[in-house]
Protein backbone atom coordinates (compact mmCIF):
# COMPACT_ATOMS: atom_id res chain seq x y z
CA UNK A 1 -31.59 27.05 59.55
CA UNK A 2 -28.09 26.68 60.99
CA UNK A 3 -25.12 25.98 58.76
CA UNK A 4 -21.78 25.53 60.50
CA UNK A 5 -18.73 23.49 59.66
CA UNK A 6 -15.29 23.33 58.07
CA UNK A 7 -14.22 24.04 54.51
CA UNK A 8 -12.31 20.75 54.60
CA UNK A 9 -15.69 18.98 54.77
CA UNK A 10 -17.90 21.25 52.67
CA UNK A 11 -16.47 23.37 49.86
CA UNK A 12 -17.46 27.00 49.36
CA UNK A 13 -19.17 26.08 46.08
CA UNK A 14 -21.48 23.66 47.91
CA UNK A 15 -22.22 26.25 50.61
CA UNK A 16 -23.13 28.82 47.94
CA UNK A 17 -25.42 26.32 46.19
CA UNK A 18 -27.26 25.56 49.44
CA UNK A 19 -27.84 29.24 50.19
CA UNK A 20 -28.78 30.00 46.58
CA UNK A 21 -31.23 27.10 46.17
CA UNK A 22 -32.82 27.91 49.52
CA UNK A 23 -32.99 31.64 48.66
CA UNK A 24 -31.56 32.37 52.09
CA UNK A 25 -30.94 35.75 53.69
CA UNK A 26 -28.13 36.12 56.19
CA UNK A 27 -24.40 36.39 56.80
CA UNK A 28 -21.78 33.79 55.88
CA UNK A 29 -18.69 34.24 58.05
CA UNK A 30 -15.48 32.39 57.21
CA UNK A 31 -12.38 32.29 59.40
CA UNK A 32 -9.10 30.61 58.53
CA UNK A 33 -5.36 30.95 59.00
CA UNK A 34 -5.33 33.04 55.81
CA UNK A 35 -7.74 35.58 57.25
CA UNK A 36 -11.42 36.30 57.75
CA UNK A 37 -14.20 36.95 55.27
CA UNK A 38 -17.84 38.00 55.28
CA UNK A 39 -20.41 37.36 52.54
CA UNK A 40 -23.98 38.69 52.88
CA UNK A 41 -26.92 37.04 51.10
CA UNK A 42 -30.40 38.39 50.39
CA UNK A 43 -32.93 35.92 48.96
CA UNK A 44 -30.07 33.72 47.78
CA UNK A 45 -28.12 36.52 46.04
CA UNK A 46 -24.80 37.99 47.20
CA UNK A 47 -25.14 41.67 48.15
CA UNK A 48 -21.88 42.30 50.00
CA UNK A 49 -18.49 40.69 50.59
CA UNK A 50 -15.54 41.93 52.61
CA UNK A 51 -12.30 40.40 53.82
CA UNK A 52 -9.47 41.60 56.01
CA UNK A 53 -7.02 40.38 53.40
CA UNK A 54 -8.23 42.59 50.55
CA UNK A 55 -5.41 44.75 49.27
CA UNK A 56 -7.13 48.11 49.80
CA UNK A 57 -10.08 49.69 51.57
CA UNK A 58 -12.97 51.25 49.62
CA UNK A 59 -11.46 54.74 49.68
CA UNK A 60 -8.22 53.42 48.16
CA UNK A 61 -10.28 51.44 45.63
CA UNK A 62 -11.92 54.69 44.48
CA UNK A 63 -8.46 56.27 44.24
CA UNK A 64 -7.17 53.36 42.14
CA UNK A 65 -10.23 53.63 39.87
CA UNK A 66 -9.61 57.34 39.38
CA UNK A 67 -12.92 58.37 40.96
CA UNK A 68 -11.23 60.49 43.67
CA UNK A 69 -7.78 62.04 44.08
CA UNK A 70 -5.16 61.46 46.77
CA UNK A 71 -6.24 64.50 48.80
CA UNK A 72 -9.87 63.36 48.96
CA UNK A 73 -8.80 59.82 49.79
CA UNK A 74 -6.68 61.08 52.70
CA UNK A 75 -9.61 63.18 53.96
CA UNK A 76 -11.91 60.14 53.89
CA UNK A 77 -9.37 58.03 55.75
CA UNK A 78 -8.92 60.84 58.27
CA UNK A 79 -12.64 60.89 59.05
CA UNK A 80 -12.64 57.09 59.30
CA UNK A 81 -9.79 57.25 61.81
CA UNK A 82 -11.75 59.69 64.00
CA UNK A 83 -15.05 57.80 63.55
CA UNK A 84 -14.04 54.13 63.21
CA UNK A 85 -17.64 52.87 63.40
CA UNK A 86 -18.76 55.04 60.47
CA UNK A 87 -18.69 53.16 57.14
CA UNK A 88 -16.39 54.53 54.45
CA UNK A 89 -19.32 54.44 52.01
CA UNK A 90 -21.32 56.83 54.20
CA UNK A 91 -18.34 59.14 54.59
CA UNK A 92 -17.87 59.24 50.82
CA UNK A 93 -21.55 60.02 50.21
CA UNK A 94 -21.71 62.73 52.86
CA UNK A 95 -18.62 64.39 51.40
CA UNK A 96 -20.11 64.20 47.91
CA UNK A 97 -16.99 62.40 46.74
CA UNK A 98 -18.82 59.54 45.00
CA UNK A 99 -22.30 58.51 43.89
CA UNK A 100 -24.27 55.42 44.83
CA UNK A 101 -23.54 54.10 41.34
CA UNK A 102 -19.80 54.41 42.08
CA UNK A 103 -20.31 52.56 45.36
CA UNK A 104 -22.22 49.75 43.65
CA UNK A 105 -19.54 49.34 40.99
CA UNK A 106 -16.65 49.17 43.46
CA UNK A 107 -18.62 46.94 45.84
CA UNK A 108 -19.33 44.47 43.01
CA UNK A 109 -15.61 44.29 42.24
CA UNK A 110 -14.91 43.64 45.92
CA UNK A 111 -17.50 40.86 45.98
CA UNK A 112 -15.82 39.23 42.99
CA UNK A 113 -12.35 39.55 44.52
CA UNK A 114 -13.43 38.12 47.87
CA UNK A 115 -15.32 35.16 46.37
CA UNK A 116 -12.59 34.35 43.85
CA UNK A 117 -10.04 34.35 46.66
CA UNK A 118 -12.21 32.22 48.94
CA UNK A 119 -12.39 29.53 46.26
CA UNK A 120 -8.70 28.92 46.94
CA UNK A 121 -9.22 28.34 50.65
CA UNK A 122 -9.24 24.64 51.47
CA UNK A 123 -9.22 24.97 55.26
CA UNK A 124 -11.13 27.10 57.73
CA UNK A 125 -14.38 27.38 59.69
CA UNK A 126 -17.63 28.74 58.31
CA UNK A 127 -20.90 29.79 59.93
CA UNK A 128 -24.10 31.08 58.35
CA UNK A 129 -26.22 33.42 60.48
CA UNK A 130 -29.78 33.22 59.13
CA UNK A 131 -31.66 36.52 58.71
CA UNK A 132 -28.69 38.43 60.15
CA UNK A 133 -27.14 41.25 58.13
CA UNK A 134 -25.58 43.24 61.00
CA UNK A 135 -22.49 41.25 61.95
CA UNK A 136 -20.28 43.91 63.54
CA UNK A 137 -20.26 41.90 66.77
CA UNK A 138 -19.45 38.64 64.93
CA UNK A 139 -16.32 39.64 63.05
CA UNK A 140 -13.93 42.59 63.33
CA UNK A 141 -13.13 44.52 60.14
CA UNK A 142 -11.67 47.97 59.48
CA UNK A 143 -14.75 48.62 57.35
CA UNK A 144 -17.83 46.56 56.51
CA UNK A 145 -18.29 47.72 52.93
CA UNK A 146 -21.38 48.63 50.94
CA UNK A 147 -24.49 46.60 50.18
CA UNK A 148 -25.17 46.66 46.44
CA UNK A 149 -28.67 47.49 45.21
CA UNK A 150 -28.98 44.42 42.96
CA UNK A 151 -27.59 41.13 44.24
CA UNK A 152 -25.15 38.95 42.30
CA UNK A 153 -25.86 35.34 41.37
CA UNK A 154 -23.73 32.87 43.39
CA UNK A 155 -23.63 30.58 40.35
CA UNK A 156 -22.17 33.40 38.23
CA UNK A 157 -19.55 34.17 40.87
CA UNK A 158 -18.54 30.51 41.14
CA UNK A 159 -18.29 30.05 37.36
CA UNK A 160 -16.34 33.27 36.88
CA UNK A 161 -14.09 32.39 39.80
CA UNK A 162 -13.30 29.00 38.28
CA UNK A 163 -12.57 30.64 34.92
CA UNK A 164 -10.27 33.25 36.49
CA UNK A 165 -8.37 30.60 38.42
CA UNK A 166 -7.94 28.50 35.27
CA UNK A 167 -6.53 31.50 33.43
CA UNK A 168 -4.13 32.56 36.16
CA UNK A 169 -2.88 29.00 36.67
CA UNK A 170 -1.77 28.97 33.03
CA UNK A 171 -0.03 32.31 33.53
CA UNK A 172 1.87 30.87 36.51
CA UNK A 173 1.13 33.64 38.96
CA UNK A 174 -0.40 33.54 42.41
CA UNK A 175 -3.86 35.15 42.40
CA UNK A 176 -3.63 35.58 46.17
CA UNK A 177 -0.87 38.11 45.64
CA UNK A 178 -2.90 39.96 43.01
CA UNK A 179 -6.19 40.01 44.87
CA UNK A 180 -5.03 40.22 48.45
CA UNK A 181 -2.35 41.27 50.87
CA UNK A 182 -1.74 37.98 52.64
CA UNK A 183 -1.54 39.24 56.20
CA UNK A 184 -1.49 35.91 58.03
CA UNK A 185 -3.64 35.81 61.15
CA UNK A 186 -4.30 33.10 63.67
CA UNK A 187 -7.69 31.43 63.50
CA UNK A 188 -10.14 32.90 66.01
CA UNK A 189 -12.45 30.80 68.12
CA UNK A 190 -16.14 30.80 67.29
CA UNK A 191 -18.39 32.18 69.99
CA UNK A 192 -21.36 30.23 71.30
CA UNK A 193 -22.03 26.51 71.54
CA UNK A 194 -21.16 24.12 68.74
CA UNK A 195 -23.98 23.37 66.32
CA UNK A 196 -24.57 19.80 65.15
CA UNK A 197 -24.03 19.20 61.46
CA UNK A 198 -27.22 19.10 59.42
CA UNK A 199 -28.31 15.72 58.08
CA UNK A 200 -28.69 16.92 54.49
CA UNK A 201 -25.20 18.47 54.44
CA UNK A 202 -23.60 15.33 55.85
CA UNK A 203 -25.40 13.15 53.30
CA UNK A 204 -24.60 15.52 50.43
CA UNK A 205 -20.89 15.26 51.16
CA UNK A 206 -21.00 11.49 51.62
CA UNK A 207 -22.99 10.56 48.50
CA UNK A 208 -22.02 13.16 45.88
CA UNK A 209 -18.80 11.32 45.01
CA UNK A 210 -20.70 8.06 44.48
CA UNK A 211 -23.11 9.86 42.16
CA UNK A 212 -20.28 11.05 39.90
CA UNK A 213 -19.58 7.56 38.50
CA UNK A 214 -22.78 5.47 38.70
CA UNK A 215 -22.78 2.07 37.05
CA UNK A 216 -26.46 2.18 36.06
CA UNK A 217 -29.70 4.12 36.42
CA UNK A 218 -30.74 1.69 39.17
CA UNK A 219 -27.67 2.71 41.18
CA UNK A 220 -28.72 6.36 40.87
CA UNK A 221 -32.21 5.58 42.20
CA UNK A 222 -30.68 3.66 45.12
CA UNK A 223 -28.48 6.65 45.98
CA UNK A 224 -31.55 8.92 45.99
CA UNK A 225 -33.33 6.57 48.40
CA UNK A 226 -30.22 6.35 50.60
CA UNK A 227 -30.02 10.13 50.83
CA UNK A 228 -33.74 10.51 51.52
CA UNK A 229 -33.62 7.84 54.25
CA UNK A 230 -31.36 10.17 56.26
CA UNK A 231 -33.97 12.92 56.00
CA UNK A 232 -37.34 11.14 56.33
CA UNK A 233 -38.71 8.12 58.20
CA UNK A 234 -40.56 6.81 55.15
CA UNK A 235 -40.05 7.33 51.47
CA UNK A 236 -41.08 6.02 48.06
CA UNK A 237 -39.51 6.66 44.66
CA UNK A 238 -41.82 6.61 41.64
CA UNK A 239 -41.06 6.48 37.92
CA UNK A 240 -43.10 8.97 35.89
CA UNK A 241 -44.45 7.94 32.49
CA UNK A 242 -46.62 10.18 30.28
CA UNK A 243 -49.89 8.86 31.76
CA UNK A 244 -48.95 6.89 34.86
CA UNK A 245 -46.86 6.70 38.00
CA UNK A 246 -45.06 3.44 38.80
CA UNK A 247 -43.30 2.43 42.02
CA UNK A 248 -39.52 1.87 41.94
CA UNK A 249 -38.41 1.50 45.55
CA UNK A 250 -39.08 2.43 49.16
CA UNK A 251 -37.73 2.68 52.68
CA UNK A 252 -39.43 2.69 56.07
CA UNK A 253 -42.86 1.35 55.05
CA UNK A 254 -44.18 -0.94 57.79
CA UNK A 255 -46.25 -3.18 55.53
CA UNK A 256 -45.89 -6.79 54.47
CA UNK A 257 -43.66 -7.35 51.40
CA UNK A 258 -43.18 -3.58 51.06
CA UNK A 259 -40.61 -3.68 48.23
CA UNK A 260 -42.69 -6.04 46.09
CA UNK A 261 -45.92 -4.07 46.63
CA UNK A 262 -44.28 -0.78 45.69
CA UNK A 263 -42.73 -2.23 42.52
CA UNK A 264 -46.13 -3.62 41.52
CA UNK A 265 -47.86 -0.26 42.08
CA UNK A 266 -49.11 1.63 39.02
CA UNK A 267 -51.26 4.75 39.35
CA UNK A 268 -52.88 6.70 36.53
CA UNK A 269 -51.77 10.32 36.78
CA UNK A 270 -55.32 11.50 36.09
CA UNK A 271 -56.36 9.93 39.41
CA UNK A 272 -54.51 12.70 41.30
CA UNK A 273 -54.75 16.33 40.27
CA UNK A 274 -52.50 17.14 43.24
CA UNK A 275 -49.63 14.92 42.06
CA UNK A 276 -50.12 16.03 38.46
CA UNK A 277 -49.71 19.63 39.63
CA UNK A 278 -46.45 18.82 41.44
CA UNK A 279 -45.10 17.03 38.37
CA UNK A 280 -46.08 19.84 36.00
CA UNK A 281 -44.58 22.50 38.29
CA UNK A 282 -41.21 20.68 38.39
CA UNK A 283 -40.70 22.22 41.84
CA UNK A 284 -40.16 20.56 45.26
CA UNK A 285 -43.10 20.65 47.66
CA UNK A 286 -43.29 20.56 51.47
CA UNK A 287 -46.71 20.74 53.08
CA UNK A 288 -50.03 18.95 53.58
CA UNK A 289 -51.01 16.12 51.24
CA UNK A 290 -54.16 17.10 49.39
CA UNK A 291 -56.79 14.38 49.35
CA UNK A 292 -58.02 12.98 46.04
CA UNK A 293 -58.55 9.56 44.50
CA UNK A 294 -54.88 9.04 43.73
CA UNK A 295 -53.46 10.17 47.07
CA UNK A 296 -56.07 8.09 48.96
CA UNK A 297 -54.94 5.06 46.95
CA UNK A 298 -51.29 5.64 47.85
CA UNK A 299 -51.87 6.32 51.56
CA UNK A 300 -53.95 3.15 51.84
CA UNK A 301 -51.05 1.28 50.23
CA UNK A 302 -48.53 2.90 52.62
CA UNK A 303 -50.44 1.82 55.75
CA UNK A 304 -53.68 3.82 55.80
CA UNK A 305 -52.50 6.60 58.19
CA UNK A 306 -52.68 10.12 56.73
CA UNK A 307 -49.42 12.11 57.24
CA UNK A 308 -49.49 15.63 58.71
CA UNK A 309 -47.09 16.83 55.99
CA UNK A 310 -45.24 15.34 53.05
CA UNK A 311 -42.20 16.17 50.94
CA UNK A 312 -42.25 15.69 47.17
CA UNK A 313 -39.24 16.14 44.89
CA UNK A 314 -39.58 15.90 41.08
CA UNK A 315 -36.44 14.51 39.43
CA UNK A 316 -35.78 16.08 36.05
CA UNK A 317 -33.77 14.66 33.15
CA UNK A 318 -33.72 15.97 29.58
CA UNK A 319 -36.19 18.69 30.54
CA UNK A 320 -38.98 16.46 31.84
CA UNK A 321 -39.88 14.86 35.16
CA UNK A 322 -38.75 11.22 35.04
CA UNK A 323 -39.19 10.34 38.71
CA UNK A 324 -40.84 11.62 41.88
CA UNK A 325 -39.54 11.18 45.43
CA UNK A 326 -42.10 11.05 48.26
CA UNK A 327 -41.15 11.41 51.94
CA UNK A 328 -42.94 11.71 55.28
CA UNK A 329 -42.16 11.30 58.97
CA UNK A 330 -44.72 8.73 60.04
CA UNK A 331 -45.20 7.20 62.50
CA UNK A 332 -43.67 9.90 64.77
CA UNK A 333 -44.81 12.94 62.75
CA UNK A 334 -41.78 14.99 63.81
CA UNK A 335 -41.06 18.18 61.80
CA UNK A 336 -38.97 17.91 58.65
CA UNK A 337 -35.29 18.82 58.71
CA UNK A 338 -33.80 21.38 56.30
CA UNK A 339 -33.63 19.84 52.82
CA UNK A 340 -31.54 22.17 50.60
CA UNK A 341 -28.81 19.52 50.46
CA UNK A 342 -31.29 16.93 49.20
CA UNK A 343 -32.58 19.37 46.56
CA UNK A 344 -29.03 19.89 45.29
CA UNK A 345 -28.41 16.14 45.25
CA UNK A 346 -31.62 15.51 43.30
CA UNK A 347 -30.58 18.12 40.72
CA UNK A 348 -27.26 16.31 40.38
CA UNK A 349 -29.06 12.96 40.16
CA UNK A 350 -31.09 14.30 37.24
CA UNK A 351 -27.88 15.21 35.42
CA UNK A 352 -26.45 11.76 36.19
CA UNK A 353 -29.59 10.15 34.77
CA UNK A 354 -29.24 12.22 31.59
CA UNK A 355 -25.66 10.98 31.24
CA UNK A 356 -26.70 7.36 31.83
CA UNK A 357 -29.54 7.65 29.28
CA UNK A 358 -27.15 9.13 26.71
CA UNK A 359 -24.59 6.37 27.27
CA UNK A 360 -27.30 3.73 26.84
CA UNK A 361 -28.41 5.32 23.54
CA UNK A 362 -24.83 5.35 22.27
CA UNK A 363 -24.45 1.66 23.13
CA UNK A 364 -27.73 0.84 21.39
CA UNK A 365 -26.61 2.72 18.27
CA UNK A 366 -23.32 0.85 18.32
CA UNK A 367 -25.15 -2.46 18.60
């Protein structure tokens, strides 16, 4: 997985959702005219964040918190000056100045401060290095902080960040000045060749706005098919009823009167234990299509060639699966692209369907 781009095109909140949903491990590096920042993820959780525009280093943070005194702080900074590659956290532990619990507590506060500040950045470059936690050669900081023992939820950080910014905006003060020393630095060039933007990220940005104000449930289903058509060569969207699966729409099927045939398709759920399992799990699936009576029926309808792998995405509204998206890459059989963006979009589509269903009920009550 490679995730590279500009904050002008993809907001930090969307980046965090992609990494969280995909349970990714790696380093998110952000560079802008305001400064540079580093956020480390493990299995989709944030375990470290540092920025060169934080007001104080970790030693000074311990001093501010009253954990150490000025003399100890000066000693720690003295060792750091002589051994610049040695982390302040290690120096503190070796001196017996703090405990690991102290380090975790201060590091969590630093994560919050960095993320809350980054939410204000509207411009800059970002790059996610998959499965990379050692980034000393990627970005230059005075100190690279401490990795907390229990990761923080990106969703929690985003929600708290939004709440903090709402509060401070009413108090008419600049949170940048409170959280950071705004030492302006010129934007540095990224090393290495440019990486093409992922299809799912491009589609997520393009279609999310349209999903915010749909005119009908049919418009929502069309948006889902549009998004999926950027990811897969063939796709079918099914409506899920308690005992049956019914076709709604398709793209890419090379069969006569494809749209009409899909809309006329009705399959009893009991015909496919495989599809029933996907629906009951409410989780996306990428992998081989298990053969049973129901899947044989569908593949024969789609053109009678069995795909090497398929993608299935349950769409959930009001707590139950109301639709199921199928995708494959026949006839070429090329590997699937990354799909975290599509997963996020489908979650949003489920919420949009809930809103549309509620609006329809209100209108029916009014009638």
